[in-house]
């Protein structure tokens, strides 16, 4: 998958900010990669993005146990059929630490 090969990556060290994430269950495969998905943004909003790996020095945890997902798709787009597809390995490389 071309997205994986061209995905820019960078490292941030000792930077205060917010880490926000959610977990997609296995049965939601096709909407997103199953498992945890995190994004980070610095307090000054100068940097951020998709998180492949992190180490938290200290922080405050808040959990929202929202169980509903509301997704609107254009009329000509259908939901994928559950199950592993040929592109899943490439998506796993985008979502998880190399």
Protein backbone atom coordinates (compact mmCIF):
# COMPACT_ATOMS: atom_id res chain seq x y z
CA UNK A 1 0.00 0.00 0.00
CA UNK A 2 1.49 3.35 -1.07
CA UNK A 3 0.23 5.16 2.03
CA UNK A 4 2.45 3.02 4.25
CA UNK A 5 5.58 3.66 2.19
CA UNK A 6 5.10 7.43 2.10
CA UNK A 7 3.89 7.97 5.65
CA UNK A 8 6.01 10.71 7.25
CA UNK A 9 7.19 9.95 10.77
CA UNK A 10 8.91 12.08 13.40
CA UNK A 11 9.81 11.85 17.07
CA UNK A 12 8.92 14.17 19.92
CA UNK A 13 10.72 14.00 23.27
CA UNK A 14 9.74 15.51 26.65
CA UNK A 15 6.81 17.42 25.14
CA UNK A 16 3.64 18.20 27.10
CA UNK A 17 0.40 17.59 25.26
CA UNK A 18 -2.73 15.51 24.95
CA UNK A 19 -2.98 11.89 23.87
CA UNK A 20 -6.42 10.84 22.67
CA UNK A 21 -7.34 7.33 21.63
CA UNK A 22 -10.04 4.81 21.01
CA UNK A 23 -10.32 1.06 20.54
CA UNK A 24 -11.96 -0.63 17.62
CA UNK A 25 -13.16 -4.19 18.34
CA UNK A 26 -12.31 -7.05 15.98
CA UNK A 27 -15.83 -7.10 14.55
CA UNK A 28 -15.33 -3.50 13.30
CA UNK A 29 -12.49 -4.60 11.01
CA UNK A 30 -12.83 -2.80 7.71
CA UNK A 31 -13.89 0.47 9.31
CA UNK A 32 -10.50 0.74 11.00
CA UNK A 33 -7.72 -1.54 12.18
CA UNK A 34 -8.89 -3.45 15.27
CA UNK A 35 -7.18 -2.46 18.50
CA UNK A 36 -6.11 0.83 20.01
CA UNK A 37 -5.59 3.96 17.89
CA UNK A 38 -3.96 7.11 19.33
CA UNK A 39 -3.29 10.69 18.26
CA UNK A 40 -1.18 13.28 20.08
CA UNK A 41 -1.09 17.07 19.96
CA UNK A 42 1.35 19.32 21.81
CA UNK A 43 0.01 21.84 24.31
CA UNK A 44 1.11 24.70 22.03
CA UNK A 45 -0.56 23.00 19.02
CA UNK A 46 2.69 23.15 17.02
CA UNK A 47 3.03 19.41 16.40
CA UNK A 48 1.03 16.24 16.56
CA UNK A 49 -0.42 13.34 14.67
CA UNK A 50 -0.90 9.60 14.65
CA UNK A 51 1.03 7.82 17.44
CA UNK A 52 2.94 4.65 16.56
CA UNK A 53 4.69 4.33 19.92
CA UNK A 54 4.95 6.37 23.12
CA UNK A 55 6.24 6.37 26.65
CA UNK A 56 4.28 8.37 29.19
CA UNK A 57 6.26 10.01 32.02
CA UNK A 58 3.17 11.22 33.88
CA UNK A 59 -0.39 12.07 33.06
CA UNK A 60 -4.05 12.07 33.88
CA UNK A 61 -6.31 9.35 32.51
CA UNK A 62 -9.93 9.91 31.58
CA UNK A 63 -12.05 7.10 30.16
CA UNK A 64 -15.27 7.50 28.23
CA UNK A 65 -17.07 4.17 27.89
CA UNK A 66 -19.11 5.22 24.86
CA UNK A 67 -20.41 2.09 23.20
CA UNK A 68 -22.07 3.67 20.18
CA UNK A 69 -20.40 4.54 16.92
CA UNK A 70 -22.35 6.68 14.49
CA UNK A 71 -20.95 6.73 11.00
CA UNK A 72 -22.43 8.43 7.96
CA UNK A 73 -21.32 7.25 4.56
CA UNK A 74 -22.13 8.75 1.17
CA UNK A 75 -24.95 6.88 -0.61
CA UNK A 76 -22.54 5.25 -3.09
CA UNK A 77 -20.21 3.85 -0.37
CA UNK A 78 -21.01 0.58 1.36
CA UNK A 79 -19.60 -0.92 4.54
CA UNK A 80 -16.86 -3.50 4.08
CA UNK A 81 -17.60 -7.14 4.73
CA UNK A 82 -16.08 -8.28 8.07
CA UNK A 83 -13.04 -10.51 7.82
CA UNK A 84 -9.36 -10.13 7.05
CA UNK A 85 -8.52 -8.76 3.59
CA UNK A 86 -5.38 -8.56 1.48
CA UNK A 87 -4.79 -4.93 2.53
CA UNK A 88 -4.96 -5.61 6.27
CA UNK A 89 -1.22 -6.26 6.63
CA UNK A 90 -0.45 -2.88 5.08
CA UNK A 91 -2.98 -1.17 7.36
CA UNK A 92 -1.40 -2.86 10.37
CA UNK A 93 1.95 -1.35 9.38
CA UNK A 94 0.39 2.13 9.22
CA UNK A 95 -1.35 1.79 12.59
CA UNK A 96 1.33 0.05 14.63
CA UNK A 97 4.96 0.59 15.48
CA UNK A 98 7.30 -0.70 12.74
